[in-house]
N, C-alpha and C. Protein backbone atom coordinates (compact mmCIF):
# COMPACT_ATOMS: atom_id res chain seq x y z
N MET A 1 48.84 18.20 2.37
CA MET A 1 47.87 17.73 1.25
C MET A 1 47.31 19.16 0.75
N THR A 2 47.30 19.56 -0.89
CA THR A 2 47.13 20.93 -1.29
C THR A 2 45.96 20.82 -1.49
N ASP A 3 44.99 22.11 -1.64
CA ASP A 3 43.93 22.45 -1.93
C ASP A 3 43.86 22.36 -3.54
N GLN A 4 42.77 21.56 -3.98
CA GLN A 4 42.77 21.57 -5.41
C GLN A 4 41.13 21.78 -5.95
N THR A 5 40.89 23.05 -7.04
CA THR A 5 40.04 23.18 -7.68
C THR A 5 39.66 22.77 -8.56
N LEU A 6 38.54 22.54 -9.11
CA LEU A 6 38.04 22.07 -10.45
C LEU A 6 37.25 22.76 -10.88
N HIS A 7 37.61 23.20 -12.34
CA HIS A 7 36.49 23.79 -12.82
C HIS A 7 36.34 22.96 -14.09
N PHE A 8 34.46 22.78 -14.37
CA PHE A 8 34.26 22.19 -15.52
C PHE A 8 32.95 22.57 -15.75
N ASP A 9 32.44 22.25 -17.38
CA ASP A 9 31.36 22.42 -17.48
C ASP A 9 30.59 21.11 -17.83
N ALA A 10 29.63 21.09 -16.83
CA ALA A 10 28.90 19.90 -16.91
C ALA A 10 27.61 20.01 -18.20
N LYS A 11 27.57 18.98 -18.66
CA LYS A 11 26.92 18.76 -20.21
C LYS A 11 25.72 17.95 -20.05
N PHE A 12 25.10 17.67 -20.70
CA PHE A 12 23.81 16.99 -20.84
C PHE A 12 24.41 15.50 -21.19
N THR A 13 25.48 15.46 -22.02
CA THR A 13 25.58 14.15 -22.22
C THR A 13 26.37 13.61 -20.77
N ASP A 14 26.72 14.38 -19.88
CA ASP A 14 27.51 13.69 -18.68
C ASP A 14 26.30 13.23 -17.79
N PHE A 15 25.04 13.58 -17.79
CA PHE A 15 24.18 13.24 -17.08
C PHE A 15 23.62 11.97 -17.48
N ARG A 16 23.35 12.09 -18.99
CA ARG A 16 22.92 10.86 -19.82
C ARG A 16 23.62 9.87 -19.25
N PHE A 17 25.24 9.75 -19.45
CA PHE A 17 26.21 8.87 -19.41
C PHE A 17 25.98 8.30 -17.61
N LEU A 18 25.80 9.02 -16.77
CA LEU A 18 25.73 9.14 -15.26
C LEU A 18 24.34 8.08 -14.94
N GLN A 19 23.31 8.54 -15.67
CA GLN A 19 21.77 7.76 -15.76
C GLN A 19 22.20 6.45 -16.38
N GLY A 20 22.88 6.15 -17.34
CA GLY A 20 22.85 5.04 -17.93
C GLY A 20 23.94 3.96 -17.21
N TYR A 21 24.93 4.76 -16.72
CA TYR A 21 25.83 4.04 -15.47
C TYR A 21 25.25 3.42 -14.40
N MET A 22 24.22 3.93 -13.67
CA MET A 22 23.82 3.79 -12.56
C MET A 22 22.50 3.07 -12.77
N ALA A 23 21.79 2.98 -14.17
CA ALA A 23 21.05 2.01 -14.69
C ALA A 23 21.45 0.72 -14.80
N ARG A 24 22.69 0.67 -15.24
CA ARG A 24 23.58 -0.79 -15.46
C ARG A 24 23.88 -1.39 -13.87
N ARG A 25 24.23 -0.38 -13.20
CA ARG A 25 24.64 -0.85 -11.83
C ARG A 25 23.45 -1.68 -10.92
N ILE A 26 22.28 -0.87 -11.21
CA ILE A 26 21.07 -1.77 -10.52
C ILE A 26 20.69 -2.58 -11.35
N ALA A 27 20.71 -2.85 -12.70
CA ALA A 27 20.30 -4.21 -13.45
C ALA A 27 21.46 -5.07 -12.94
N ALA A 28 22.69 -4.84 -12.98
CA ALA A 28 23.75 -5.92 -12.42
C ALA A 28 23.30 -6.55 -10.94
N ARG A 29 22.81 -5.60 -10.15
CA ARG A 29 22.41 -5.98 -8.80
C ARG A 29 21.11 -6.81 -8.71
N ASN A 30 20.28 -6.56 -9.38
CA ASN A 30 18.91 -7.16 -9.68
C ASN A 30 18.96 -7.87 -10.90
N LYS A 31 19.72 -8.90 -11.22
CA LYS A 31 19.39 -9.25 -12.68
C LYS A 31 18.32 -10.46 -12.62
N GLY A 32 18.15 -10.98 -11.94
CA GLY A 32 17.15 -12.16 -11.70
C GLY A 32 15.50 -11.15 -11.96
N ALA A 33 15.25 -10.21 -11.28
CA ALA A 33 13.95 -9.45 -11.35
C ALA A 33 13.94 -8.84 -12.85
N TYR A 34 15.18 -8.62 -13.47
CA TYR A 34 14.88 -7.97 -14.60
C TYR A 34 14.80 -8.76 -15.72
N ALA A 35 15.29 -10.10 -15.43
CA ALA A 35 15.29 -11.28 -16.17
C ALA A 35 13.66 -11.63 -16.35
N TRP A 36 12.95 -11.56 -14.98
CA TRP A 36 11.48 -12.24 -14.99
C TRP A 36 10.74 -10.86 -15.66
N ALA A 37 11.14 -9.98 -15.43
CA ALA A 37 10.17 -8.70 -16.03
C ALA A 37 10.44 -8.86 -17.60
N LEU A 38 11.75 -8.97 -17.93
CA LEU A 38 11.40 -9.06 -19.29
C LEU A 38 11.21 -10.36 -20.06
N ALA A 39 11.04 -11.58 -19.35
CA ALA A 39 10.43 -12.46 -19.75
C ALA A 39 9.11 -12.50 -20.10
N GLY A 40 8.37 -11.46 -18.98
CA GLY A 40 7.04 -11.48 -18.66
C GLY A 40 6.63 -10.52 -19.80
N VAL A 41 7.17 -9.34 -20.25
CA VAL A 41 6.91 -8.55 -21.59
C VAL A 41 7.07 -9.26 -22.69
N GLY A 42 7.83 -10.38 -23.10
CA GLY A 42 7.90 -11.25 -24.33
C GLY A 42 6.67 -11.94 -24.21
N VAL A 43 6.28 -12.45 -23.20
CA VAL A 43 5.22 -13.39 -23.05
C VAL A 43 4.00 -12.45 -23.39
N CYS A 44 4.04 -11.19 -22.71
CA CYS A 44 2.77 -10.44 -23.10
C CYS A 44 2.58 -9.91 -24.48
N ALA A 45 3.82 -9.98 -25.42
CA ALA A 45 4.00 -9.38 -26.75
C ALA A 45 3.31 -10.60 -27.52
N LEU A 46 3.70 -11.90 -27.10
CA LEU A 46 3.19 -12.96 -27.92
C LEU A 46 1.75 -13.15 -27.76
N VAL A 47 1.41 -12.93 -26.49
CA VAL A 47 -0.35 -13.33 -26.04
C VAL A 47 -0.99 -12.12 -26.99
N LEU A 48 -0.32 -10.82 -27.09
CA LEU A 48 -1.11 -10.16 -27.74
C LEU A 48 -1.32 -10.36 -29.19
N THR A 49 -0.28 -11.06 -29.69
CA THR A 49 0.13 -11.18 -31.14
C THR A 49 -1.01 -12.46 -31.52
N ALA A 50 -1.47 -13.29 -30.43
CA ALA A 50 -2.47 -14.18 -30.81
C ALA A 50 -3.65 -13.57 -30.51
N ALA A 51 -3.73 -12.48 -29.84
CA ALA A 51 -4.97 -11.73 -29.62
C ALA A 51 -5.38 -11.36 -31.15
N ILE A 52 -4.42 -10.46 -31.47
CA ILE A 52 -4.55 -9.86 -32.98
C ILE A 52 -4.81 -10.96 -34.29
N VAL A 53 -4.20 -12.14 -34.01
CA VAL A 53 -4.29 -13.01 -34.97
C VAL A 53 -5.79 -13.64 -34.89
N ILE A 54 -6.55 -13.74 -33.66
CA ILE A 54 -7.63 -14.59 -33.43
C ILE A 54 -8.66 -13.58 -34.05
N SER A 55 -8.52 -11.87 -33.66
CA SER A 55 -9.35 -11.09 -33.95
C SER A 55 -9.50 -10.79 -35.56
N SER A 56 -8.43 -11.19 -36.34
CA SER A 56 -8.27 -11.23 -37.78
C SER A 56 -9.02 -12.11 -38.46
N GLU A 57 -8.63 -13.39 -37.94
CA GLU A 57 -9.01 -14.73 -38.40
C GLU A 57 -10.15 -15.24 -37.63
N PRO A 58 -11.37 -14.80 -37.19
CA PRO A 58 -12.26 -15.09 -36.02
C PRO A 58 -12.94 -16.63 -36.51
N PHE A 59 -13.14 -16.83 -37.57
CA PHE A 59 -13.73 -18.34 -38.03
C PHE A 59 -12.60 -19.39 -37.61
N ALA A 60 -11.62 -18.99 -38.37
CA ALA A 60 -10.32 -20.30 -38.01
C ALA A 60 -10.07 -20.25 -36.42
N ALA A 61 -10.12 -19.07 -35.88
CA ALA A 61 -9.96 -19.16 -34.27
C ALA A 61 -10.99 -19.86 -33.56
N ALA A 62 -12.47 -19.77 -34.14
CA ALA A 62 -13.43 -20.57 -33.40
C ALA A 62 -13.50 -22.00 -33.34
N ARG A 63 -12.64 -22.72 -34.28
CA ARG A 63 -12.53 -23.90 -34.15
C ARG A 63 -11.56 -24.66 -32.97
N LEU A 64 -10.99 -23.42 -32.51
CA LEU A 64 -10.01 -23.71 -31.31
C LEU A 64 -11.13 -24.39 -29.91
N LEU A 65 -12.51 -23.81 -29.79
CA LEU A 65 -13.50 -24.19 -28.82
C LEU A 65 -14.63 -24.49 -29.88
N PRO A 66 -14.36 -25.86 -30.17
CA PRO A 66 -15.65 -26.46 -31.27
C PRO A 66 -16.99 -26.64 -30.24
N SER A 67 -16.90 -26.59 -28.81
CA SER A 67 -18.24 -26.79 -28.19
C SER A 67 -18.66 -25.63 -27.80
N VAL A 68 -17.82 -24.48 -27.79
CA VAL A 68 -18.93 -23.07 -27.93
C VAL A 68 -19.14 -22.54 -29.02
N PRO A 69 -20.52 -21.99 -29.17
CA PRO A 69 -20.78 -21.37 -30.29
C PRO A 69 -19.81 -20.11 -31.01
N TYR A 70 -20.12 -20.13 -32.25
CA TYR A 70 -19.13 -19.35 -32.83
C TYR A 70 -18.68 -17.82 -32.10
N PRO A 71 -19.74 -16.47 -32.08
CA PRO A 71 -18.83 -15.28 -31.51
C PRO A 71 -18.79 -15.68 -30.29
N LEU A 72 -18.99 -16.46 -29.32
CA LEU A 72 -19.02 -16.47 -27.88
C LEU A 72 -17.52 -17.15 -27.81
N SER A 73 -17.03 -18.02 -28.61
CA SER A 73 -16.05 -18.81 -28.36
C SER A 73 -14.52 -17.72 -28.71
N VAL A 74 -14.76 -16.95 -29.64
CA VAL A 74 -13.89 -15.99 -30.22
C VAL A 74 -13.89 -14.95 -28.90
N TYR A 75 -14.99 -14.54 -28.46
CA TYR A 75 -14.79 -13.63 -27.33
C TYR A 75 -14.18 -14.11 -26.25
N LEU A 76 -14.39 -15.51 -25.89
CA LEU A 76 -13.76 -16.02 -24.90
C LEU A 76 -12.15 -16.29 -24.73
N GLU A 77 -11.81 -16.36 -26.23
CA GLU A 77 -10.24 -16.58 -26.71
C GLU A 77 -9.88 -15.33 -26.38
N LEU A 78 -10.33 -14.42 -26.82
CA LEU A 78 -9.75 -12.81 -26.76
C LEU A 78 -9.61 -12.31 -24.93
N ILE A 79 -10.69 -12.70 -24.59
CA ILE A 79 -10.58 -12.36 -22.99
C ILE A 79 -9.42 -13.03 -22.34
N VAL A 80 -9.39 -14.25 -22.82
CA VAL A 80 -8.42 -15.07 -22.02
C VAL A 80 -6.95 -14.50 -22.54
N CYS A 81 -7.05 -14.39 -23.70
CA CYS A 81 -5.39 -13.45 -24.31
C CYS A 81 -5.16 -12.38 -23.52
N LEU A 82 -6.15 -11.43 -23.17
CA LEU A 82 -5.87 -10.29 -23.00
C LEU A 82 -5.93 -10.25 -21.21
N LEU A 83 -6.43 -11.24 -20.63
CA LEU A 83 -5.95 -11.67 -19.25
C LEU A 83 -4.38 -12.13 -18.96
N LEU A 84 -4.27 -13.05 -19.98
CA LEU A 84 -2.23 -13.56 -19.84
C LEU A 84 -1.71 -12.44 -19.85
N ALA A 85 -2.10 -11.56 -20.89
CA ALA A 85 -1.03 -10.35 -21.23
C ALA A 85 -0.71 -9.47 -20.00
N ILE A 86 -2.02 -9.33 -19.14
CA ILE A 86 -1.90 -8.34 -18.12
C ILE A 86 -1.20 -9.11 -17.21
N VAL A 87 -1.76 -10.52 -16.77
CA VAL A 87 -0.83 -11.31 -15.86
C VAL A 87 0.69 -11.23 -16.28
N SER A 88 0.73 -11.11 -17.26
CA SER A 88 2.40 -11.61 -17.65
C SER A 88 3.16 -10.60 -17.34
N LEU A 89 2.49 -9.18 -17.27
CA LEU A 89 3.31 -8.11 -16.94
C LEU A 89 3.30 -7.81 -15.33
N ALA A 90 3.27 -8.96 -14.63
CA ALA A 90 3.18 -8.49 -13.09
C ALA A 90 4.44 -8.43 -12.52
N PRO A 91 5.57 -9.32 -13.35
CA PRO A 91 6.87 -9.04 -12.69
C PRO A 91 7.57 -7.83 -13.06
N ALA A 92 7.19 -7.19 -14.31
CA ALA A 92 7.71 -5.72 -14.74
C ALA A 92 6.96 -4.89 -13.94
N ILE A 93 5.90 -4.88 -13.34
CA ILE A 93 5.09 -3.80 -12.95
C ILE A 93 5.85 -3.89 -11.33
N ALA A 94 6.08 -5.00 -10.83
CA ALA A 94 6.62 -5.19 -9.52
C ALA A 94 8.22 -4.69 -9.45
N THR A 95 8.90 -5.02 -10.71
CA THR A 95 10.30 -4.29 -10.67
C THR A 95 9.99 -3.03 -10.73
N ARG A 96 9.40 -2.43 -11.57
CA ARG A 96 9.30 -0.84 -11.80
C ARG A 96 8.81 -0.07 -10.33
N ARG A 97 7.91 -0.65 -9.55
CA ARG A 97 7.53 -0.46 -8.30
C ARG A 97 8.66 -0.41 -7.41
N ARG A 98 9.62 -1.36 -7.53
CA ARG A 98 10.66 -1.44 -6.60
C ARG A 98 11.84 -0.48 -6.91
N MET A 99 11.75 0.00 -8.29
CA MET A 99 12.83 0.89 -8.97
C MET A 99 13.18 2.03 -7.79
N LEU A 100 12.60 2.75 -7.28
CA LEU A 100 12.80 3.74 -6.41
C LEU A 100 13.75 3.21 -5.09
N ARG A 101 13.24 2.01 -4.80
CA ARG A 101 14.00 1.27 -3.34
C ARG A 101 15.01 1.13 -4.04
N MET A 102 15.33 0.69 -5.21
CA MET A 102 16.73 0.00 -5.81
C MET A 102 17.34 1.50 -5.77
N GLN A 103 16.87 2.57 -6.17
CA GLN A 103 18.11 3.70 -6.26
C GLN A 103 18.19 4.38 -4.68
N VAL A 104 17.33 4.61 -4.05
CA VAL A 104 17.61 5.08 -2.71
C VAL A 104 17.35 4.19 -1.48
N SER A 105 18.27 4.06 -0.76
CA SER A 105 18.31 2.95 0.63
C SER A 105 18.16 3.44 1.57
N ASP A 106 17.46 3.00 2.61
CA ASP A 106 17.34 3.51 4.03
C ASP A 106 18.50 4.25 4.49
N SER A 107 19.57 4.01 4.31
CA SER A 107 20.70 4.52 4.94
C SER A 107 21.26 5.35 4.25
N SER A 108 20.65 5.75 3.09
CA SER A 108 21.15 6.76 2.14
C SER A 108 21.32 8.60 2.61
N PRO A 109 22.23 8.86 2.21
CA PRO A 109 22.42 10.28 3.08
C PRO A 109 21.69 11.63 2.55
N MET A 110 20.54 10.67 1.48
CA MET A 110 19.61 11.40 1.10
C MET A 110 18.49 11.37 1.92
N LEU A 111 18.47 10.83 2.88
CA LEU A 111 17.40 10.39 3.81
C LEU A 111 17.49 10.66 5.23
N GLY A 112 16.49 10.65 6.13
CA GLY A 112 16.73 10.86 7.80
C GLY A 112 16.50 12.44 7.89
N PRO A 113 16.84 12.67 9.06
CA PRO A 113 16.37 14.03 9.81
C PRO A 113 17.21 15.10 8.79
N THR A 114 16.31 16.14 8.63
CA THR A 114 16.91 17.12 7.70
C THR A 114 16.51 18.47 8.23
N THR A 115 17.43 19.32 7.98
CA THR A 115 17.44 20.88 8.48
C THR A 115 17.28 21.68 7.47
N LEU A 116 16.54 22.52 7.15
CA LEU A 116 16.28 23.61 6.26
C LEU A 116 16.45 24.79 6.38
N ILE A 117 17.45 25.45 6.06
CA ILE A 117 17.63 26.61 6.35
C ILE A 117 17.45 27.77 5.13
N ILE A 118 16.69 28.96 5.76
CA ILE A 118 16.55 30.02 4.59
C ILE A 118 17.67 30.92 4.82
N GLU A 119 18.50 31.37 3.52
CA GLU A 119 19.42 32.43 3.82
C GLU A 119 19.12 33.43 2.73
N ASP A 120 19.94 34.54 2.82
CA ASP A 120 19.59 35.52 1.80
C ASP A 120 19.73 35.16 0.65
N ASN A 121 20.74 34.38 0.33
CA ASN A 121 21.05 34.08 -1.41
C ASN A 121 20.52 32.38 -1.38
N GLY A 122 19.78 31.84 -0.80
CA GLY A 122 19.53 30.41 -1.29
C GLY A 122 18.80 29.46 0.00
N LEU A 123 18.56 28.70 -0.23
CA LEU A 123 18.11 27.48 0.62
C LEU A 123 19.39 26.32 1.17
N VAL A 124 19.65 25.99 2.57
CA VAL A 124 20.65 25.02 2.82
C VAL A 124 20.04 23.92 3.42
N ILE A 125 20.06 22.67 2.83
CA ILE A 125 19.77 21.49 3.45
C ILE A 125 20.91 20.74 4.06
N GLU A 126 20.43 20.70 5.33
CA GLU A 126 21.32 19.76 6.28
C GLU A 126 21.09 18.33 6.69
N ARG A 127 21.86 17.52 6.24
CA ARG A 127 21.71 15.95 6.76
C ARG A 127 22.61 15.49 7.37
N LYS A 128 22.64 14.37 8.23
CA LYS A 128 23.66 14.14 9.06
C LYS A 128 24.85 13.71 8.33
N LEU A 129 25.07 13.38 6.68
CA LEU A 129 26.06 13.10 6.04
C LEU A 129 26.41 14.22 4.93
N MET A 130 25.83 15.02 4.88
CA MET A 130 25.57 15.92 3.63
C MET A 130 25.11 17.28 4.06
N ARG A 131 25.86 18.34 3.47
CA ARG A 131 24.94 19.54 3.67
C ARG A 131 25.30 20.37 1.87
N THR A 132 23.90 20.69 1.44
CA THR A 132 23.74 21.43 0.48
C THR A 132 23.36 22.78 0.50
N LYS A 133 23.55 23.44 -0.38
CA LYS A 133 23.23 24.95 -0.69
C LYS A 133 22.51 24.84 -2.27
N TYR A 134 21.46 25.61 -2.23
CA TYR A 134 20.80 26.01 -3.48
C TYR A 134 20.57 27.53 -3.57
N LEU A 135 21.07 27.99 -4.42
CA LEU A 135 21.05 29.58 -4.67
C LEU A 135 19.58 29.64 -5.10
N TRP A 136 18.62 30.78 -4.92
CA TRP A 136 17.58 31.11 -5.35
C TRP A 136 17.46 31.02 -6.68
N PRO A 137 18.30 31.49 -7.74
CA PRO A 137 17.83 31.67 -9.13
C PRO A 137 17.95 29.85 -9.53
N ALA A 138 18.15 28.84 -8.67
CA ALA A 138 18.14 27.42 -9.52
C ALA A 138 16.87 26.99 -9.22
N PHE A 139 15.97 27.72 -8.30
CA PHE A 139 14.36 27.14 -8.69
C PHE A 139 13.81 27.95 -9.46
N GLN A 140 12.60 27.26 -9.72
CA GLN A 140 11.75 27.84 -10.93
C GLN A 140 10.22 27.86 -10.54
N GLY A 141 10.36 27.80 -9.28
CA GLY A 141 9.16 28.47 -8.60
C GLY A 141 9.03 27.22 -7.17
N VAL A 142 7.35 27.54 -6.80
CA VAL A 142 7.00 26.62 -5.66
C VAL A 142 5.63 26.14 -6.13
N GLU A 143 5.73 24.75 -5.89
CA GLU A 143 4.42 24.17 -6.26
C GLU A 143 3.71 23.24 -4.85
N MET A 144 2.65 23.22 -4.90
CA MET A 144 1.97 22.74 -3.83
C MET A 144 1.17 21.66 -4.27
N THR A 145 1.38 20.14 -3.83
CA THR A 145 0.33 19.11 -4.04
C THR A 145 0.52 18.41 -2.73
N ARG A 146 -1.27 18.14 -2.38
CA ARG A 146 -1.15 16.93 -1.04
C ARG A 146 -0.49 17.46 -0.03
N ASN A 147 -0.57 18.92 0.43
CA ASN A 147 0.15 19.38 1.21
C ASN A 147 1.53 19.37 1.32
N THR A 148 2.36 18.80 0.10
CA THR A 148 3.51 18.85 0.17
C THR A 148 4.01 20.13 -0.60
N LEU A 149 5.39 20.52 -0.40
CA LEU A 149 5.93 21.63 -1.25
C LEU A 149 7.00 20.76 -2.09
N ILE A 150 7.13 21.46 -3.25
CA ILE A 150 8.02 20.86 -4.06
C ILE A 150 8.54 22.37 -4.78
N LEU A 151 9.97 22.33 -4.89
CA LEU A 151 10.40 23.38 -5.43
C LEU A 151 11.29 22.74 -6.57
N PRO A 152 10.87 23.06 -7.64
CA PRO A 152 11.37 22.27 -9.10
C PRO A 152 12.66 23.10 -9.38
N ILE A 153 13.63 22.34 -9.54
CA ILE A 153 14.91 22.83 -9.94
C ILE A 153 15.04 22.55 -11.55
N ASP A 154 14.36 21.66 -11.86
CA ASP A 154 14.66 21.31 -13.79
C ASP A 154 13.44 20.09 -13.88
N ASN A 155 13.36 19.63 -15.21
CA ASN A 155 12.43 19.11 -15.51
C ASN A 155 11.93 18.02 -14.56
N GLY A 156 13.03 17.31 -14.26
CA GLY A 156 12.57 16.10 -13.32
C GLY A 156 13.50 15.89 -12.03
N MET A 157 13.67 17.28 -11.41
CA MET A 157 14.67 17.13 -10.22
C MET A 157 14.06 18.49 -9.57
N GLY A 158 14.05 18.50 -8.55
CA GLY A 158 13.42 19.51 -7.40
C GLY A 158 13.99 18.91 -5.87
N LEU A 159 13.03 19.96 -4.97
CA LEU A 159 13.34 19.62 -3.60
C LEU A 159 12.11 19.29 -3.13
N ILE A 160 11.52 18.36 -1.97
CA ILE A 160 10.39 18.13 -1.74
C ILE A 160 10.42 18.50 0.06
N ILE A 161 9.46 19.28 0.26
CA ILE A 161 9.14 19.35 1.75
C ILE A 161 8.08 19.00 2.09
N PRO A 162 7.80 17.61 2.82
CA PRO A 162 6.91 17.29 3.41
C PRO A 162 6.10 17.67 4.30
N PRO A 163 4.57 17.67 4.53
CA PRO A 163 3.78 17.99 5.30
C PRO A 163 4.13 18.13 6.65
N SER A 164 5.00 17.02 7.38
CA SER A 164 5.41 17.00 8.56
C SER A 164 6.44 18.20 8.90
N ALA A 165 6.81 18.89 7.63
CA ALA A 165 7.98 19.86 8.38
C ALA A 165 7.33 21.00 8.82
N PHE A 166 5.85 21.24 8.74
CA PHE A 166 5.03 22.47 9.25
C PHE A 166 4.24 22.14 10.22
N SER A 167 4.30 23.11 11.17
CA SER A 167 3.57 22.79 12.43
C SER A 167 1.87 22.93 11.96
N ASP A 168 1.57 23.56 10.86
CA ASP A 168 0.35 23.81 10.73
C ASP A 168 0.32 24.28 9.33
N GLU A 169 -0.83 24.59 8.56
CA GLU A 169 -1.03 24.62 7.13
C GLU A 169 -0.59 26.38 6.89
N ALA A 170 -1.04 26.95 8.12
CA ALA A 170 -0.73 28.59 7.98
C ALA A 170 0.91 28.84 8.22
N ALA A 171 1.67 28.09 8.61
CA ALA A 171 3.32 27.81 8.56
C ALA A 171 3.65 27.24 6.96
N ARG A 172 2.68 26.30 6.58
CA ARG A 172 3.26 25.90 4.96
C ARG A 172 2.97 27.06 4.25
N TYR A 173 1.91 27.71 4.28
CA TYR A 173 1.71 28.93 3.34
C TYR A 173 2.83 29.97 3.78
N ALA A 174 3.05 30.20 4.65
CA ALA A 174 4.09 31.44 4.88
C ALA A 174 5.21 31.11 4.53
N PHE A 175 5.73 29.74 4.72
CA PHE A 175 6.88 29.25 4.03
C PHE A 175 6.94 29.46 2.42
N ALA A 176 6.02 29.05 1.90
CA ALA A 176 5.64 29.00 0.35
C ALA A 176 5.64 30.58 0.10
N ALA A 177 5.25 31.36 0.81
CA ALA A 177 5.30 32.97 0.22
C ALA A 177 6.59 33.24 0.07
N THR A 178 7.13 32.78 1.57
CA THR A 178 8.66 33.33 1.48
C THR A 178 9.49 32.96 0.29
N VAL A 179 9.41 31.97 0.16
CA VAL A 179 10.41 31.00 -0.81
C VAL A 179 10.45 31.80 -2.25
N SER A 180 8.74 31.87 -2.63
CA SER A 180 8.38 32.17 -3.81
C SER A 180 8.74 33.30 -3.83
N LYS A 181 8.48 34.37 -3.13
CA LYS A 181 9.12 35.87 -3.02
C LYS A 181 10.63 35.96 -3.51
N ARG A 182 11.15 35.15 -2.54
CA ARG A 182 13.00 35.21 -2.78
C ARG A 182 12.97 34.61 -4.29
N ILE A 183 12.52 33.73 -4.78
CA ILE A 183 12.74 33.36 -5.90
C ILE A 183 12.22 34.42 -7.19
N GLN A 184 11.05 34.77 -6.85
CA GLN A 184 10.69 35.79 -7.69
C GLN A 184 11.94 37.40 -7.94
N GLU A 185 12.34 37.53 -6.50
CA GLU A 185 13.21 38.66 -6.76
C GLU A 185 14.55 37.99 -7.43
N SER A 186 14.87 36.90 -7.13
CA SER A 186 15.98 36.59 -7.84
C SER A 186 16.07 36.51 -9.22
N GLN A 187 14.72 36.01 -9.73
CA GLN A 187 14.71 35.92 -11.39
C GLN A 187 14.49 37.49 -11.94
N SER A 188 13.96 38.27 -11.02
CA SER A 188 13.78 39.70 -11.79
C SER A 188 15.20 40.53 -11.66
N ALA A 189 15.98 39.77 -10.85
CA ALA A 189 17.60 40.53 -10.90
C ALA A 189 18.62 40.01 -11.78
N LYS A 190 17.91 38.90 -12.51
CA LYS A 190 18.86 38.29 -13.46
C LYS A 190 19.11 39.36 -14.84
N PRO A 191 20.13 38.69 -15.38
CA PRO A 191 20.10 40.17 -16.77
C PRO A 191 19.50 39.67 -17.61
């Protein structure tokens, strides 16, 4: 077997293609959930249209509930329409909440026991099925939220280091300071 080295220029269109392909792959595996979500969004649109018609023609809408006095009947109709709109979005909300689970499974090589190693030129992430190295210039900085460290690489991508990785708060802050210093050094060394 011969060694083969590939050189290529990854473009935004490549990532857009990958995102579309993976979205279609997930949709194909979850047709039922997406069908219910789409039906719910359609019902929501119809119910909101009804609410607009009711509010634009309140006297005509008041005839739908003749036993209830005029302003109260219109308000009740609007309340029912808005409640139906909210309820009709339940399948879409449930599907959206499951979306991450659809993208990453429990047996994924992205999850599981992880070792993080700080090297002179970057961070190494080792897991059972993969080893990844990020050079310091790849990071935009260090951010902390809810005792979790986030190392942004791009607008929507980054590394997450959970609170369980640190023995205490002092260790977390020391790690953040070390990584921040390395990132700043690499950014100042850029031409």
